[in-house]
PDB file of N, CA and C in Angstrom:
ATOM      1  N   MET A   1      -4.952  65.360 237.522  1.00  0.00           N
ATOM      2  CA  MET A   1      -4.577  63.994 237.815  1.00  0.00           C
ATOM      3  C   MET A   1      -3.806  63.425 236.621  1.00  0.00           C
ATOM      4  N   LYS A   2      -2.684  62.795 236.897  1.00  0.00           N
ATOM      5  CA  LYS A   2      -1.849  62.167 235.860  1.00  0.00           C
ATOM      6  C   LYS A   2      -2.509  60.861 235.401  1.00  0.00           C
ATOM      7  N   THR A   3      -2.236  60.491 234.172  1.00  0.00           N
ATOM      8  CA  THR A   3      -2.800  59.268 233.597  1.00  0.00           C
ATOM      9  C   THR A   3      -1.679  58.321 233.195  1.00  0.00           C
ATOM     10  N   LEU A   4      -1.784  57.085 233.673  1.00  0.00           N
ATOM     11  CA  LEU A   4      -0.839  56.021 233.332  1.00  0.00           C
ATOM     12  C   LEU A   4      -1.508  55.066 232.354  1.00  0.00           C
ATOM     13  N   LEU A   5      -0.766  54.656 231.351  1.00  0.00           N
ATOM     14  CA  LEU A   5      -1.238  53.638 230.415  1.00  0.00           C
ATOM     15  C   LEU A   5      -0.424  52.377 230.651  1.00  0.00           C
ATOM     16  N   ILE A   6      -1.118  51.291 230.976  1.00  0.00           N
ATOM     17  CA  ILE A   6      -0.476  49.997 231.203  1.00  0.00           C
ATOM     18  C   ILE A   6      -0.819  49.103 230.017  1.00  0.00           C
ATOM     19  N   VAL A   7       0.203  48.515 229.400  1.00  0.00           N
ATOM     20  CA  VAL A   7      -0.012  47.677 228.224  1.00  0.00           C
ATOM     21  C   VAL A   7       0.626  46.313 228.467  1.00  0.00           C
ATOM     22  N   ASP A   8      -0.204  45.287 228.527  1.00  0.00           N
ATOM     23  CA  ASP A   8       0.282  43.914 228.701  1.00  0.00           C
ATOM     24  C   ASP A   8      -0.783  42.979 228.159  1.00  0.00           C
ATOM     25  N   ASP A   9      -0.368  41.930 227.463  1.00  0.00           N
ATOM     26  CA  ASP A   9      -1.321  40.996 226.880  1.00  0.00           C
ATOM     27  C   ASP A   9      -1.777  39.922 227.860  1.00  0.00           C
ATOM     28  N   GLU A  10      -1.165  39.844 229.025  1.00  0.00           N
ATOM     29  CA  GLU A  10      -1.568  38.859 230.028  1.00  0.00           C
ATOM     30  C   GLU A  10      -2.517  39.515 231.021  1.00  0.00           C
ATOM     31  N   ARG A  11      -3.757  39.039 231.044  1.00  0.00           N
ATOM     32  CA  ARG A  11      -4.804  39.636 231.871  1.00  0.00           C
ATOM     33  C   ARG A  11      -4.415  39.710 233.347  1.00  0.00           C
ATOM     34  N   HIS A  12      -3.821  38.635 233.865  1.00  0.00           N
ATOM     35  CA  HIS A  12      -3.454  38.650 235.291  1.00  0.00           C
ATOM     36  C   HIS A  12      -2.381  39.716 235.573  1.00  0.00           C
ATOM     37  N   MET A  13      -1.480  39.943 234.628  1.00  0.00           N
ATOM     38  CA  MET A  13      -0.451  40.968 234.810  1.00  0.00           C
ATOM     39  C   MET A  13      -1.079  42.368 234.760  1.00  0.00           C
ATOM     40  N   LEU A  14      -2.031  42.560 233.863  1.00  0.00           N
ATOM     41  CA  LEU A  14      -2.738  43.843 233.805  1.00  0.00           C
ATOM     42  C   LEU A  14      -3.417  44.136 235.145  1.00  0.00           C
ATOM     43  N   HIS A  15      -4.077  43.129 235.708  1.00  0.00           N
ATOM     44  CA  HIS A  15      -4.753  43.321 236.997  1.00  0.00           C
ATOM     45  C   HIS A  15      -3.752  43.605 238.113  1.00  0.00           C
ATOM     46  N   LEU A  16      -2.647  42.878 238.116  1.00  0.00           N
ATOM     47  CA  LEU A  16      -1.610  43.099 239.127  1.00  0.00           C
ATOM     48  C   LEU A  16      -1.037  44.510 239.017  1.00  0.00           C
ATOM     49  N   LEU A  17      -0.720  44.928 237.814  1.00  0.00           N
ATOM     50  CA  LEU A  17      -0.174  46.278 237.612  1.00  0.00           C
ATOM     51  C   LEU A  17      -1.202  47.349 237.974  1.00  0.00           C
ATOM     52  N   GLN A  18      -2.440  47.127 237.593  1.00  0.00           N
ATOM     53  CA  GLN A  18      -3.492  48.092 237.907  1.00  0.00           C
ATOM     54  C   GLN A  18      -3.636  48.231 239.424  1.00  0.00           C
ATOM     55  N   TYR A  19      -3.649  47.113 240.134  1.00  0.00           N
ATOM     56  CA  TYR A  19      -3.753  47.141 241.597  1.00  0.00           C
ATOM     57  C   TYR A  19      -2.537  47.833 242.218  1.00  0.00           C
ATOM     58  N   THR A  20      -1.359  47.486 241.746  1.00  0.00           N
ATOM     59  CA  THR A  20      -0.113  48.054 242.272  1.00  0.00           C
ATOM     60  C   THR A  20      -0.049  49.556 242.043  1.00  0.00           C
ATOM     61  N   LEU A  21      -0.443  49.987 240.860  1.00  0.00           N
ATOM     62  CA  LEU A  21      -0.287  51.392 240.496  1.00  0.00           C
ATOM     63  C   LEU A  21      -1.452  52.271 240.935  1.00  0.00           C
ATOM     64  N   ALA A  22      -2.533  51.666 241.393  1.00  0.00           N
ATOM     65  CA  ALA A  22      -3.650  52.448 241.925  1.00  0.00           C
ATOM     66  C   ALA A  22      -3.181  53.291 243.110  1.00  0.00           C
ATOM     67  N   LYS A  23      -2.162  52.825 243.802  1.00  0.00           N
ATOM     68  CA  LYS A  23      -1.639  53.528 244.980  1.00  0.00           C
ATOM     69  C   LYS A  23      -0.810  54.758 244.616  1.00  0.00           C
ATOM     70  N   THR A  24      -0.630  55.024 243.322  1.00  0.00           N
ATOM     71  CA  THR A  24       0.099  56.227 242.904  1.00  0.00           C
ATOM     72  C   THR A  24      -0.819  57.448 242.896  1.00  0.00           C
ATOM     73  N   GLY A  25      -2.118  57.216 242.947  1.00  0.00           N
ATOM     74  CA  GLY A  25      -3.069  58.322 242.869  1.00  0.00           C
ATOM     75  C   GLY A  25      -3.336  58.768 241.444  1.00  0.00           C
ATOM     76  N   CYS A  26      -2.832  58.027 240.466  1.00  0.00           N
ATOM     77  CA  CYS A  26      -3.018  58.368 239.058  1.00  0.00           C
ATOM     78  C   CYS A  26      -4.236  57.645 238.491  1.00  0.00           C
ATOM     79  N   ARG A  27      -4.742  58.176 237.415  1.00  0.00           N
ATOM     80  CA  ARG A  27      -5.774  57.492 236.647  1.00  0.00           C
ATOM     81  C   ARG A  27      -5.078  56.377 235.874  1.00  0.00           C
ATOM     82  N   ILE A  28      -5.668  55.191 235.857  1.00  0.00           N
ATOM     83  CA  ILE A  28      -5.050  54.038 235.215  1.00  0.00           C
ATOM     84  C   ILE A  28      -5.884  53.607 234.013  1.00  0.00           C
ATOM     85  N   LEU A  29      -5.236  53.524 232.857  1.00  0.00           N
ATOM     86  CA  LEU A  29      -5.845  52.969 231.659  1.00  0.00           C
ATOM     87  C   LEU A  29      -5.103  51.688 231.317  1.00  0.00           C
ATOM     88  N   THR A  30      -5.812  50.693 230.812  1.00  0.00           N
ATOM     89  CA  THR A  30      -5.155  49.439 230.451  1.00  0.00           C
ATOM     90  C   THR A  30      -5.460  49.078 229.000  1.00  0.00           C
ATOM     91  N   ALA A  31      -4.485  48.404 228.395  1.00  0.00           N
ATOM     92  CA  ALA A  31      -4.628  47.903 227.026  1.00  0.00           C
ATOM     93  C   ALA A  31      -3.983  46.528 226.952  1.00  0.00           C
ATOM     94  N   GLY A  32      -4.596  45.633 226.183  1.00  0.00           N
ATOM     95  CA  GLY A  32      -4.076  44.281 226.037  1.00  0.00           C
ATOM     96  C   GLY A  32      -3.197  44.080 224.821  1.00  0.00           C
ATOM     97  N   SER A  33      -3.008  45.158 224.036  1.00  0.00           N
ATOM     98  CA  SER A  33      -2.163  45.060 222.844  1.00  0.00           C
ATOM     99  C   SER A  33      -1.609  46.439 222.519  1.00  0.00           C
ATOM    100  N   GLY A  34      -0.597  46.459 221.673  1.00  0.00           N
ATOM    101  CA  GLY A  34      -0.031  47.720 221.229  1.00  0.00           C
ATOM    102  C   GLY A  34      -1.027  48.532 220.430  1.00  0.00           C
ATOM    103  N   GLU A  35      -1.792  47.849 219.590  1.00  0.00           N
ATOM    104  CA  GLU A  35      -2.791  48.535 218.776  1.00  0.00           C
ATOM    105  C   GLU A  35      -3.833  49.216 219.664  1.00  0.00           C
ATOM    106  N   GLU A  36      -4.284  48.507 220.688  1.00  0.00           N
ATOM    107  CA  GLU A  36      -5.269  49.079 221.615  1.00  0.00           C
ATOM    108  C   GLU A  36      -4.674  50.278 222.360  1.00  0.00           C
ATOM    109  N   ALA A  37      -3.412  50.177 222.739  1.00  0.00           N
ATOM    110  CA  ALA A  37      -2.743  51.281 223.440  1.00  0.00           C
ATOM    111  C   ALA A  37      -2.666  52.528 222.561  1.00  0.00           C
ATOM    112  N   VAL A  38      -2.316  52.343 221.307  1.00  0.00           N
ATOM    113  CA  VAL A  38      -2.211  53.463 220.376  1.00  0.00           C
ATOM    114  C   VAL A  38      -3.581  54.120 220.202  1.00  0.00           C
ATOM    115  N   GLN A  39      -4.616  53.309 220.121  1.00  0.00           N
ATOM    116  CA  GLN A  39      -5.962  53.839 219.963  1.00  0.00           C
ATOM    117  C   GLN A  39      -6.397  54.610 221.217  1.00  0.00           C
ATOM    118  N   LEU A  40      -6.117  54.073 222.402  1.00  0.00           N
ATOM    119  CA  LEU A  40      -6.445  54.771 223.645  1.00  0.00           C
ATOM    120  C   LEU A  40      -5.752  56.125 223.718  1.00  0.00           C
ATOM    121  N   ALA A  41      -4.484  56.142 223.367  1.00  0.00           N
ATOM    122  CA  ALA A  41      -3.696  57.382 223.435  1.00  0.00           C
ATOM    123  C   ALA A  41      -4.179  58.420 222.431  1.00  0.00           C
ATOM    124  N   ALA A  42      -4.858  57.991 221.396  1.00  0.00           N
ATOM    125  CA  ALA A  42      -5.398  58.938 220.419  1.00  0.00           C
ATOM    126  C   ALA A  42      -6.591  59.689 221.003  1.00  0.00           C
ATOM    127  N   ASP A  43      -7.291  59.045 221.936  1.00  0.00           N
ATOM    128  CA  ASP A  43      -8.505  59.619 222.506  1.00  0.00           C
ATOM    129  C   ASP A  43      -8.312  60.273 223.866  1.00  0.00           C
ATOM    130  N   LEU A  44      -7.271  59.867 224.577  1.00  0.00           N
ATOM    131  CA  LEU A  44      -7.070  60.346 225.946  1.00  0.00           C
ATOM    132  C   LEU A  44      -5.617  60.765 226.160  1.00  0.00           C
ATOM    133  N   PRO A  45      -5.373  61.799 226.942  1.00  0.00           N
ATOM    134  CA  PRO A  45      -3.985  62.196 227.220  1.00  0.00           C
ATOM    135  C   PRO A  45      -3.306  61.189 228.150  1.00  0.00           C
ATOM    136  N   ILE A  46      -2.064  60.870 227.843  1.00  0.00           N
ATOM    137  CA  ILE A  46      -1.277  59.911 228.623  1.00  0.00           C
ATOM    138  C   ILE A  46      -0.050  60.640 229.162  1.00  0.00           C
ATOM    139  N   ASP A  47       0.254  60.438 230.444  1.00  0.00           N
ATOM    140  CA  ASP A  47       1.430  61.065 231.045  1.00  0.00           C
ATOM    141  C   ASP A  47       2.613  60.112 231.162  1.00  0.00           C
ATOM    142  N   LEU A  48       2.345  58.804 231.184  1.00  0.00           N
ATOM    143  CA  LEU A  48       3.412  57.809 231.312  1.00  0.00           C
ATOM    144  C   LEU A  48       2.866  56.469 230.854  1.00  0.00           C
ATOM    145  N   ALA A  49       3.710  55.660 230.217  1.00  0.00           N
ATOM    146  CA  ALA A  49       3.305  54.333 229.761  1.00  0.00           C
ATOM    147  C   ALA A  49       4.177  53.264 230.399  1.00  0.00           C
ATOM    148  N   VAL A  50       3.539  52.176 230.808  1.00  0.00           N
ATOM    149  CA  VAL A  50       4.226  50.974 231.283  1.00  0.00           C
ATOM    150  C   VAL A  50       3.859  49.894 230.275  1.00  0.00           C
ATOM    151  N   ILE A  51       4.862  49.425 229.530  1.00  0.00           N
ATOM    152  CA  ILE A  51       4.587  48.568 228.373  1.00  0.00           C
ATOM    153  C   ILE A  51       5.399  47.276 228.439  1.00  0.00           C
ATOM    154  N   ASP A  52       4.715  46.148 228.262  1.00  0.00           N
ATOM    155  CA  ASP A  52       5.385  44.858 228.150  1.00  0.00           C
ATOM    156  C   ASP A  52       6.027  44.755 226.771  1.00  0.00           C
ATOM    157  N   VAL A  53       7.198  44.158 226.702  1.00  0.00           N
ATOM    158  CA  VAL A  53       7.882  44.003 225.415  1.00  0.00           C
ATOM    159  C   VAL A  53       7.158  42.998 224.533  1.00  0.00           C
ATOM    160  N   GLY A  54       6.821  41.840 225.079  1.00  0.00           N
ATOM    161  CA  GLY A  54       6.299  40.729 224.281  1.00  0.00           C
ATOM    162  C   GLY A  54       4.815  40.794 224.019  1.00  0.00           C
ATOM    163  N   LEU A  55       4.385  41.796 223.271  1.00  0.00           N
ATOM    164  CA  LEU A  55       2.974  41.924 222.916  1.00  0.00           C
ATOM    165  C   LEU A  55       2.709  41.243 221.581  1.00  0.00           C
ATOM    166  N   PRO A  56       1.490  40.729 221.384  1.00  0.00           N
ATOM    167  CA  PRO A  56       1.156  40.203 220.059  1.00  0.00           C
ATOM    168  C   PRO A  56       1.015  41.366 219.083  1.00  0.00           C
ATOM    169  N   GLY A  57       1.249  41.109 217.813  1.00  0.00           N
ATOM    170  CA  GLY A  57       1.179  42.202 216.828  1.00  0.00           C
ATOM    171  C   GLY A  57       2.393  43.087 216.978  1.00  0.00           C
ATOM    172  N   ILE A  58       2.177  44.369 217.216  1.00  0.00           N
ATOM    173  CA  ILE A  58       3.321  45.263 217.394  1.00  0.00           C
ATOM    174  C   ILE A  58       3.848  45.110 218.825  1.00  0.00           C
ATOM    175  N   ASP A  59       5.166  44.955 218.964  1.00  0.00           N
ATOM    176  CA  ASP A  59       5.743  44.717 220.289  1.00  0.00           C
ATOM    177  C   ASP A  59       5.792  46.019 221.097  1.00  0.00           C
ATOM    178  N   GLY A  60       6.284  45.921 222.321  1.00  0.00           N
ATOM    179  CA  GLY A  60       6.325  47.066 223.217  1.00  0.00           C
ATOM    180  C   GLY A  60       7.154  48.225 222.708  1.00  0.00           C
ATOM    181  N   PHE A  61       8.317  47.946 222.127  1.00  0.00           N
ATOM    182  CA  PHE A  61       9.159  49.018 221.597  1.00  0.00           C
ATOM    183  C   PHE A  61       8.492  49.713 220.406  1.00  0.00           C
ATOM    184  N   GLU A  62       7.863  48.920 219.531  1.00  0.00           N
ATOM    185  CA  GLU A  62       7.159  49.509 218.391  1.00  0.00           C
ATOM    186  C   GLU A  62       5.975  50.354 218.864  1.00  0.00           C
ATOM    187  N   THR A  63       5.265  49.857 219.865  1.00  0.00           N
ATOM    188  CA  THR A  63       4.137  50.601 220.430  1.00  0.00           C
ATOM    189  C   THR A  63       4.610  51.951 220.949  1.00  0.00           C
ATOM    190  N   LEU A  64       5.697  51.944 221.692  1.00  0.00           N
ATOM    191  CA  LEU A  64       6.234  53.190 222.233  1.00  0.00           C
ATOM    192  C   LEU A  64       6.664  54.125 221.100  1.00  0.00           C
ATOM    193  N   ALA A  65       7.300  53.589 220.085  1.00  0.00           N
ATOM    194  CA  ALA A  65       7.739  54.418 218.954  1.00  0.00           C
ATOM    195  C   ALA A  65       6.544  55.079 218.268  1.00  0.00           C
ATOM    196  N   ILE A  66       5.467  54.332 218.076  1.00  0.00           N
ATOM    197  CA  ILE A  66       4.261  54.888 217.451  1.00  0.00           C
ATOM    198  C   ILE A  66       3.661  55.969 218.349  1.00  0.00           C
ATOM    199  N   LEU A  67       3.587  55.702 219.646  1.00  0.00           N
ATOM    200  CA  LEU A  67       3.056  56.707 220.571  1.00  0.00           C
ATOM    201  C   LEU A  67       3.886  57.985 220.523  1.00  0.00           C
ATOM    202  N   ARG A  68       5.201  57.830 220.496  1.00  0.00           N
ATOM    203  CA  ARG A  68       6.081  59.004 220.506  1.00  0.00           C
ATOM    204  C   ARG A  68       6.072  59.781 219.191  1.00  0.00           C
ATOM    205  N   GLU A  69       5.528  59.219 218.145  1.00  0.00           N
ATOM    206  CA  GLU A  69       5.395  59.946 216.877  1.00  0.00           C
ATOM    207  C   GLU A  69       4.217  60.913 216.907  1.00  0.00           C
ATOM    208  N   ARG A  70       3.310  60.735 217.852  1.00  0.00           N
ATOM    209  CA  ARG A  70       2.121  61.585 217.931  1.00  0.00           C
ATOM    210  C   ARG A  70       2.466  62.934 218.539  1.00  0.00           C
ATOM    211  N   PRO A  71       1.759  63.972 218.103  1.00  0.00           N
ATOM    212  CA  PRO A  71       2.004  65.302 218.672  1.00  0.00           C
ATOM    213  C   PRO A  71       1.843  65.304 220.195  1.00  0.00           C
ATOM    214  N   GLY A  72       2.833  65.875 220.873  1.00  0.00           N
ATOM    215  CA  GLY A  72       2.794  65.967 222.323  1.00  0.00           C
ATOM    216  C   GLY A  72       3.359  64.767 223.066  1.00  0.00           C
ATOM    217  N   TYR A  73       3.677  63.707 222.351  1.00  0.00           N
ATOM    218  CA  TYR A  73       4.178  62.489 222.993  1.00  0.00           C
ATOM    219  C   TYR A  73       5.646  62.181 222.676  1.00  0.00           C
ATOM    220  N   ALA A  74       6.354  63.081 222.063  1.00  0.00           N
ATOM    221  CA  ALA A  74       7.742  62.820 221.640  1.00  0.00           C
ATOM    222  C   ALA A  74       8.637  62.412 222.801  1.00  0.00           C
ATOM    223  N   THR A  75       8.373  62.934 223.984  1.00  0.00           N
ATOM    224  CA  THR A  75       9.195  62.606 225.152  1.00  0.00           C
ATOM    225  C   THR A  75       8.389  61.857 226.213  1.00  0.00           C
ATOM    226  N   LEU A  76       7.377  61.127 225.780  1.00  0.00           N
ATOM    227  CA  LEU A  76       6.535  60.373 226.706  1.00  0.00           C
ATOM    228  C   LEU A  76       7.398  59.481 227.592  1.00  0.00           C
ATOM    229  N   PRO A  77       7.344  59.671 228.921  1.00  0.00           N
ATOM    230  CA  PRO A  77       8.093  58.780 229.803  1.00  0.00           C
ATOM    231  C   PRO A  77       7.509  57.370 229.732  1.00  0.00           C
ATOM    232  N   ALA A  78       8.380  56.378 229.794  1.00  0.00           N
ATOM    233  CA  ALA A  78       7.911  54.998 229.697  1.00  0.00           C
ATOM    234  C   ALA A  78       8.803  54.061 230.489  1.00  0.00           C
ATOM    235  N   ILE A  79       8.190  52.971 230.904  1.00  0.00           N
ATOM    236  CA  ILE A  79       8.904  51.861 231.534  1.00  0.00           C
ATOM    237  C   ILE A  79       8.576  50.625 230.714  1.00  0.00           C
ATOM    238  N   ILE A  80       9.603  49.925 230.289  1.00  0.00           N
ATOM    239  CA  ILE A  80       9.441  48.684 229.537  1.00  0.00           C
ATOM    240  C   ILE A  80       9.595  47.523 230.519  1.00  0.00           C
ATOM    241  N   LEU A  81       8.625  46.617 230.495  1.00  0.00           N
ATOM    242  CA  LEU A  81       8.663  45.418 231.331  1.00  0.00           C
ATOM    243  C   LEU A  81       8.884  44.194 230.451  1.00  0.00           C
ATOM    244  N   THR A  82       9.638  43.255 230.968  1.00  0.00           N
ATOM    245  CA  THR A  82       9.834  42.008 230.233  1.00  0.00           C
ATOM    246  C   THR A  82      10.243  40.889 231.183  1.00  0.00           C
ATOM    247  N   ALA A  83       9.895  39.691 230.799  1.00  0.00           N
ATOM    248  CA  ALA A  83      10.336  38.517 231.548  1.00  0.00           C
ATOM    249  C   ALA A  83      11.726  38.091 231.087  1.00  0.00           C
ATOM    250  N   ARG A  84      12.182  38.713 229.981  1.00  0.00           N
ATOM    251  CA  ARG A  84      13.498  38.383 229.418  1.00  0.00           C
ATOM    252  C   ARG A  84      14.455  39.539 229.692  1.00  0.00           C
ATOM    253  N   GLY A  85      15.506  39.297 230.424  1.00  0.00           N
ATOM    254  CA  GLY A  85      16.436  40.364 230.758  1.00  0.00           C
ATOM    255  C   GLY A  85      17.654  40.395 229.855  1.00  0.00           C
ATOM    256  N   GLN A  86      17.479  40.068 228.591  1.00  0.00           N
ATOM    257  CA  GLN A  86      18.601  39.977 227.664  1.00  0.00           C
ATOM    258  C   GLN A  86      19.260  41.336 227.442  1.00  0.00           C
ATOM    259  N   ALA A  87      20.551  41.296 227.237  1.00  0.00           N
ATOM    260  CA  ALA A  87      21.334  42.527 227.069  1.00  0.00           C
ATOM    261  C   ALA A  87      20.857  43.357 225.885  1.00  0.00           C
ATOM    262  N   ASP A  88      20.456  42.707 224.785  1.00  0.00           N
ATOM    263  CA  ASP A  88      20.014  43.478 223.615  1.00  0.00           C
ATOM    264  C   ASP A  88      18.736  44.258 223.907  1.00  0.00           C
ATOM    265  N   LEU A  89      17.863  43.699 224.757  1.00  0.00           N
ATOM    266  CA  LEU A  89      16.647  44.426 225.128  1.00  0.00           C
ATOM    267  C   LEU A  89      16.987  45.634 226.003  1.00  0.00           C
ATOM    268  N   ARG A  90      17.941  45.445 226.908  1.00  0.00           N
ATOM    269  CA  ARG A  90      18.389  46.564 227.753  1.00  0.00           C
ATOM    270  C   ARG A  90      18.983  47.686 226.896  1.00  0.00           C
ATOM    271  N   THR A  91      19.792  47.302 225.932  1.00  0.00           N
ATOM    272  CA  THR A  91      20.411  48.285 225.046  1.00  0.00           C
ATOM    273  C   THR A  91      19.343  49.038 224.257  1.00  0.00           C
ATOM    274  N   HIS A  92      18.364  48.305 223.761  1.00  0.00           N
ATOM    275  CA  HIS A  92      17.264  48.930 223.026  1.00  0.00           C
ATOM    276  C   HIS A  92      16.492  49.893 223.933  1.00  0.00           C
ATOM    277  N   ALA A  93      16.260  49.504 225.169  1.00  0.00           N
ATOM    278  CA  ALA A  93      15.555  50.365 226.125  1.00  0.00           C
ATOM    279  C   ALA A  93      16.349  51.643 226.381  1.00  0.00           C
ATOM    280  N   GLU A  94      17.649  51.507 226.581  1.00  0.00           N
ATOM    281  CA  GLU A  94      18.490  52.686 226.814  1.00  0.00           C
ATOM    282  C   GLU A  94      18.470  53.612 225.596  1.00  0.00           C
ATOM    283  N   ALA A  95      18.530  53.036 224.407  1.00  0.00           N
ATOM    284  CA  ALA A  95      18.493  53.846 223.186  1.00  0.00           C
ATOM    285  C   ALA A  95      17.146  54.551 223.031  1.00  0.00           C
ATOM    286  N   SER A  96      16.094  53.933 223.545  1.00  0.00           N
ATOM    287  CA  SER A  96      14.753  54.525 223.475  1.00  0.00           C
ATOM    288  C   SER A  96      14.485  55.473 224.635  1.00  0.00           C
ATOM    289  N   GLN A  97      15.453  55.627 225.505  1.00  0.00           N
ATOM    290  CA  GLN A  97      15.356  56.495 226.683  1.00  0.00           C
ATOM    291  C   GLN A  97      14.174  56.114 227.563  1.00  0.00           C
ATOM    292  N   VAL A  98      14.117  54.839 227.927  1.00  0.00           N
ATOM    293  CA  VAL A  98      13.084  54.344 228.823  1.00  0.00           C
ATOM    294  C   VAL A  98      13.737  53.527 229.928  1.00  0.00           C
ATOM    295  N   LEU A  99      13.015  53.381 231.019  1.00  0.00           N
ATOM    296  CA  LEU A  99      13.477  52.488 232.074  1.00  0.00           C
ATOM    297  C   LEU A  99      13.135  51.065 231.678  1.00  0.00           C
ATOM    298  N   PHE A 100      13.921  50.124 232.170  1.00  0.00           N
ATOM    299  CA  PHE A 100      13.776  48.721 231.802  1.00  0.00           C
ATOM    300  C   PHE A 100      13.694  47.917 233.093  1.00  0.00           C
ATOM    301  N   LEU A 101      12.578  47.233 233.309  1.00  0.00           N
ATOM    302  CA  LEU A 101      12.428  46.383 234.489  1.00  0.00           C
ATOM    303  C   LEU A 101      12.104  44.968 234.049  1.00  0.00           C
ATOM    304  N   THR A 102      12.724  43.998 234.712  1.00  0.00           N
ATOM    305  CA  THR A 102      12.430  42.603 234.403  1.00  0.00           C
ATOM    306  C   THR A 102      11.398  42.067 235.379  1.00  0.00           C
ATOM    307  N   LYS A 103      10.578  41.156 234.873  1.00  0.00           N
ATOM    308  CA  LYS A 103       9.600  40.462 235.701  1.00  0.00           C
ATOM    309  C   LYS A 103      10.299  39.263 236.314  1.00  0.00           C
ATOM    310  N   PRO A 104      10.091  38.924 237.543  1.00  0.00           N
ATOM    311  CA  PRO A 104       9.259  39.649 238.498  1.00  0.00           C
ATOM    312  C   PRO A 104       9.948  40.934 238.950  1.00  0.00           C
ATOM    313  N   PHE A 105       9.145  41.916 239.300  1.00  0.00           N
ATOM    314  CA  PHE A 105       9.654  43.216 239.729  1.00  0.00           C
ATOM    315  C   PHE A 105       9.084  43.538 241.104  1.00  0.00           C
ATOM    316  N   SER A 106       9.693  44.476 241.755  1.00  0.00           N
ATOM    317  CA  SER A 106       9.212  44.933 243.054  1.00  0.00           C
ATOM    318  C   SER A 106       8.117  45.979 242.821  1.00  0.00           C
ATOM    319  N   PRO A 107       6.904  45.745 243.323  1.00  0.00           N
ATOM    320  CA  PRO A 107       5.846  46.742 243.170  1.00  0.00           C
ATOM    321  C   PRO A 107       6.229  48.094 243.776  1.00  0.00           C
ATOM    322  N   ILE A 108       6.943  48.075 244.875  1.00  0.00           N
ATOM    323  CA  ILE A 108       7.371  49.316 245.530  1.00  0.00           C
ATOM    324  C   ILE A 108       8.350  50.056 244.629  1.00  0.00           C
ATOM    325  N   GLU A 109       9.279  49.337 244.030  1.00  0.00           N
ATOM    326  CA  GLU A 109      10.253  49.956 243.123  1.00  0.00           C
ATOM    327  C   GLU A 109       9.561  50.508 241.876  1.00  0.00           C
ATOM    328  N   LEU A 110       8.605  49.765 241.338  1.00  0.00           N
ATOM    329  CA  LEU A 110       7.883  50.235 240.158  1.00  0.00           C
ATOM    330  C   LEU A 110       7.131  51.529 240.478  1.00  0.00           C
ATOM    331  N   ARG A 111       6.433  51.576 241.598  1.00  0.00           N
ATOM    332  CA  ARG A 111       5.723  52.805 241.989  1.00  0.00           C
ATOM    333  C   ARG A 111       6.687  53.963 242.161  1.00  0.00           C
ATOM    334  N   ARG A 112       7.831  53.699 242.789  1.00  0.00           N
ATOM    335  CA  ARG A 112       8.828  54.751 243.002  1.00  0.00           C
ATOM    336  C   ARG A 112       9.345  55.286 241.667  1.00  0.00           C
ATOM    337  N   GLN A 113       9.656  54.381 240.754  1.00  0.00           N
ATOM    338  CA  GLN A 113      10.157  54.788 239.441  1.00  0.00           C
ATOM    339  C   GLN A 113       9.119  55.647 238.707  1.00  0.00           C
ATOM    340  N   ILE A 114       7.866  55.249 238.780  1.00  0.00           N
ATOM    341  CA  ILE A 114       6.803  56.000 238.110  1.00  0.00           C
ATOM    342  C   ILE A 114       6.667  57.391 238.713  1.00  0.00           C
ATOM    343  N   LEU A 115       6.629  57.470 240.022  1.00  0.00           N
ATOM    344  CA  LEU A 115       6.501  58.779 240.670  1.00  0.00           C
ATOM    345  C   LEU A 115       7.710  59.657 240.361  1.00  0.00           C
ATOM    346  N   ASP A 116       8.892  59.065 240.287  1.00  0.00           N
ATOM    347  CA  ASP A 116      10.100  59.830 239.922  1.00  0.00           C
ATOM    348  C   ASP A 116      10.004  60.366 238.490  1.00  0.00           C
ATOM    349  N   LEU A 117       9.496  59.539 237.580  1.00  0.00           N
ATOM    350  CA  LEU A 117       9.370  59.977 236.185  1.00  0.00           C
ATOM    351  C   LEU A 117       8.307  61.065 236.024  1.00  0.00           C
ATOM    352  N   LEU A 118       7.240  60.951 236.783  1.00  0.00           N
ATOM    353  CA  LEU A 118       6.160  61.928 236.679  1.00  0.00           C
ATOM    354  C   LEU A 118       6.529  63.271 237.304  1.00  0.00           C
ATOM    355  N   ASP A 119       7.355  63.228 238.347  1.00  0.00           N
ATOM    356  CA  ASP A 119       7.742  64.466 239.032  1.00  0.00           C
ATOM    357  C   ASP A 119       9.191  64.369 239.478  1.00  0.00           C
ATOM    358  N   PRO A 120      10.144  64.567 238.558  1.00  0.00           N
ATOM    359  CA  PRO A 120      11.563  64.432 238.891  1.00  0.00           C
ATOM    360  C   PRO A 120      12.012  65.359 240.021  1.00  0.00           C
ATOM    361  N   ALA A 121      11.414  66.519 240.135  1.00  0.00           N
ATOM    362  CA  ALA A 121      11.805  67.467 241.187  1.00  0.00           C
ATOM    363  C   ALA A 121      11.484  66.906 242.565  1.00  0.00           C
ATOM    364  N   ALA A 122      10.397  66.157 242.677  1.00  0.00           N
ATOM    365  CA  ALA A 122      10.012  65.572 243.966  1.00  0.00           C
ATOM    366  C   ALA A 122      10.956  64.446 244.384  1.00  0.00           C
ATOM    367  N   ALA A 123      11.647  63.854 243.415  1.00  0.00           N
ATOM    368  CA  ALA A 123      12.556  62.740 243.705  1.00  0.00           C
ATOM    369  C   ALA A 123      13.838  63.209 244.368  1.00  0.00           C
ATOM    370  N   ARG A 124      14.122  64.499 244.295  1.00  0.00           N
ATOM    371  CA  ARG A 124      15.371  65.009 244.849  1.00  0.00           C
ATOM    372  C   ARG A 124      15.263  65.267 246.312  1.00  0.00           C
TER     373      ARG A 124
END
């Protein structure tokens, strides 16, 4: 079973994402901060991360960078979520080789993107 890590500091968003992504058949882990996400990933294997940009402490991009420095996570697939669709954030996401979705997002599209990232061959 694949494991998804959802990172968002807004409790209602964590619950919404957890409910939405439960339909992927993956194990869902949640974290309310970048620090918590990094700690979870140290103890449990992660197959994909969905990370909000605007986290307290270390932001979403920094969280992803720290995760990708760990052995086995250099190419960790990720989706960055944000309520701000600014061009500089999109550019940063592209440079980090992650998908970029703005809030509000389509739950169906988010699930599709995750399943495509987890199994690219099935997407064809």
